[in-house]
Amino acid sequence: MSKIYTAQVTSKGGREGFVKSSDGKLNMKLSQPSDSADSATNPEQLFAAGYAACFHSALKMVAKNKDLNTEGSEVMAEVSLHKEDPAGFRLSVVLNVSVPGLDAEQVQTLADQAHQVCPYSKATRGDIDVEVKTAATQR
């Protein structure tokens, strides 16, 4: 395995502090997750953004290898924070996948294959509950 990239991000103050990348491209205030009008993001949103982008790239790669068009495709990640007793927390993820122009079976096949190659899916496998839904299976 050869390393192709390392991201360095430093947190100061935890969930109510700041995060900054070593190159300065990421530099933002954090807050607790809530539905309030606070303008700061939270770690769950950052994780959802990374997972959605990574999974979408995996989906596009799988589709390209099958000569399938993914124009207009979207992946929306829902990352939920759960309270566990007595004092722990867990995450769960729902990945909502949409690929206009493909039938439900094609989209499901692409999503299942993307889930096998996506680095975020590999990293979370066996630890975080991840559900992959396609546009045809969303309820």
Protein backbone atom coordinates (compact mmCIF):
# COMPACT_ATOMS: atom_id res chain seq x y z
CA MET A 1 0.00 0.00 0.00
CA SER A 2 1.48 3.35 -0.99
CA LYS A 3 0.38 6.58 0.67
CA ILE A 4 -0.91 9.17 -1.78
CA TYR A 5 -2.09 11.89 0.59
CA THR A 6 -2.17 12.82 4.28
CA ALA A 7 -4.56 15.44 5.64
CA GLN A 8 -3.51 17.26 8.80
CA VAL A 9 -6.20 19.03 10.78
CA THR A 10 -5.81 20.38 14.30
CA SER A 11 -8.69 20.87 16.73
CA LYS A 12 -8.57 23.46 19.47
CA GLY A 13 -11.45 23.51 21.92
CA GLY A 14 -13.22 20.36 20.73
CA ARG A 15 -16.83 20.61 19.60
CA GLU A 16 -17.06 24.23 20.68
CA GLY A 17 -13.72 25.31 19.30
CA PHE A 18 -12.00 25.53 15.95
CA VAL A 19 -10.45 23.23 13.35
CA LYS A 20 -7.70 24.22 10.98
CA SER A 21 -5.86 22.26 8.30
CA SER A 22 -2.11 22.52 7.92
CA ASP A 23 -2.55 24.21 4.52
CA GLY A 24 -5.18 26.67 5.85
CA LYS A 25 -7.86 25.57 3.35
CA LEU A 26 -10.03 24.39 6.24
CA ASN A 27 -10.31 26.93 9.03
CA MET A 28 -13.61 27.05 10.83
CA LYS A 29 -15.48 27.42 14.07
CA LEU A 30 -17.33 24.39 15.44
CA SER A 31 -20.41 24.07 17.59
CA GLN A 32 -22.50 21.36 19.18
CA PRO A 33 -24.95 19.69 16.77
CA SER A 34 -28.34 21.32 17.05
CA ASP A 35 -31.16 22.75 15.01
CA SER A 36 -30.37 26.27 16.20
CA ALA A 37 -29.42 29.13 13.93
CA ASP A 38 -25.75 28.95 15.03
CA SER A 39 -23.64 29.60 11.96
CA ALA A 40 -20.89 27.13 12.93
CA THR A 41 -20.69 23.61 11.55
CA ASN A 42 -20.16 20.45 13.61
CA PRO A 43 -18.08 17.28 13.28
CA GLU A 44 -21.07 15.25 12.03
CA GLN A 45 -21.59 17.65 9.10
CA LEU A 46 -17.89 17.50 8.25
CA PHE A 47 -17.96 13.68 8.33
CA ALA A 48 -21.13 13.65 6.19
CA ALA A 49 -19.48 15.96 3.63
CA GLY A 50 -16.39 13.78 3.41
CA TYR A 51 -18.34 10.53 3.21
CA ALA A 52 -20.78 11.85 0.57
CA ALA A 53 -17.96 13.16 -1.63
CA CYS A 54 -15.84 10.02 -1.28
CA PHE A 55 -18.78 7.66 -1.91
CA HIS A 56 -19.88 9.73 -4.90
CA SER A 57 -16.39 9.47 -6.41
CA ALA A 58 -16.43 5.70 -5.86
CA LEU A 59 -19.86 5.48 -7.50
CA LYS A 60 -18.65 7.48 -10.52
CA MET A 61 -15.54 5.30 -10.84
CA VAL A 62 -17.59 2.08 -10.76
CA ALA A 63 -20.05 3.51 -13.30
CA LYS A 64 -17.24 4.68 -15.60
CA ASN A 65 -15.76 1.17 -15.58
CA LYS A 66 -19.17 -0.08 -16.80
CA ASP A 67 -19.55 2.75 -19.38
CA LEU A 68 -22.58 4.12 -17.50
CA ASN A 69 -23.38 7.84 -17.44
CA THR A 70 -23.60 9.42 -13.97
CA GLU A 71 -24.32 12.97 -15.10
CA GLY A 72 -26.65 14.61 -12.58
CA SER A 73 -25.98 11.94 -9.95
CA GLU A 74 -26.03 12.83 -6.27
CA VAL A 75 -25.07 11.26 -2.97
CA MET A 76 -26.52 12.73 0.20
CA ALA A 77 -25.08 11.44 3.48
CA GLU A 78 -27.14 11.61 6.66
CA VAL A 79 -24.88 11.20 9.69
CA SER A 80 -26.71 10.74 12.97
CA LEU A 81 -25.23 11.00 16.45
CA HIS A 82 -26.76 8.56 18.96
CA LYS A 83 -26.51 8.54 22.74
CA GLU A 84 -25.59 5.15 24.19
CA ASP A 85 -25.95 4.25 27.81
CA PRO A 86 -24.29 4.86 30.13
CA ALA A 87 -22.00 7.57 28.76
CA GLY A 88 -21.13 6.75 25.16
CA PHE A 89 -22.05 7.95 21.71
CA ARG A 90 -22.25 6.27 18.28
CA LEU A 91 -22.71 7.35 14.70
CA SER A 92 -24.91 5.92 11.99
CA VAL A 93 -25.03 6.81 8.31
CA VAL A 94 -27.63 6.69 5.57
CA LEU A 95 -26.29 7.24 2.05
CA ASN A 96 -28.99 8.36 -0.39
CA VAL A 97 -27.91 7.71 -3.97
CA SER A 98 -29.58 9.09 -7.09
CA VAL A 99 -28.48 8.54 -10.70
CA PRO A 100 -30.93 10.00 -13.23
CA GLY A 101 -31.34 7.98 -16.41
CA LEU A 102 -30.53 4.61 -14.84
CA ASP A 103 -33.09 2.10 -13.65
CA ALA A 104 -33.41 1.15 -9.98
CA GLU A 105 -31.51 -2.12 -10.37
CA GLN A 106 -28.56 -0.41 -12.11
CA VAL A 107 -28.37 2.27 -9.42
CA GLN A 108 -28.52 -0.31 -6.63
CA THR A 109 -25.77 -2.38 -8.26
CA LEU A 110 -23.54 0.69 -8.65
CA ALA A 111 -24.22 1.76 -5.05
CA ASP A 112 -23.46 -1.72 -3.70
CA GLN A 113 -20.20 -1.85 -5.64
CA ALA A 114 -19.23 1.68 -4.60
CA HIS A 115 -19.83 0.66 -0.98
CA GLN A 116 -17.20 -2.07 -1.41
CA VAL A 117 -14.49 0.27 -2.77
CA CYS A 118 -15.15 3.59 -1.02
CA PRO A 119 -12.43 4.25 1.60
CA TYR A 120 -14.98 5.72 4.05
CA SER A 121 -17.17 2.62 3.69
CA LYS A 122 -14.16 0.40 4.28
CA ALA A 123 -13.09 2.42 7.33
CA THR A 124 -16.52 2.31 8.95
CA ARG A 125 -17.43 -1.29 8.06
CA GLY A 126 -18.22 -3.33 11.16
CA ASP A 127 -18.32 -0.30 13.46
CA ILE A 128 -20.88 2.19 12.16
CA ASP A 129 -24.29 1.18 10.84
CA VAL A 130 -24.37 2.32 7.20
CA GLU A 131 -27.49 2.01 5.07
CA VAL A 132 -27.27 2.62 1.33
CA LYS A 133 -30.53 3.72 -0.29
CA THR A 134 -31.15 4.38 -3.95
CA ALA A 135 -33.76 6.77 -5.31
CA ALA A 136 -36.03 3.81 -6.04
CA THR A 137 -35.77 2.46 -2.48
CA GLN A 138 -36.00 5.71 -0.51
CA ARG A 139 -39.08 5.95 1.68
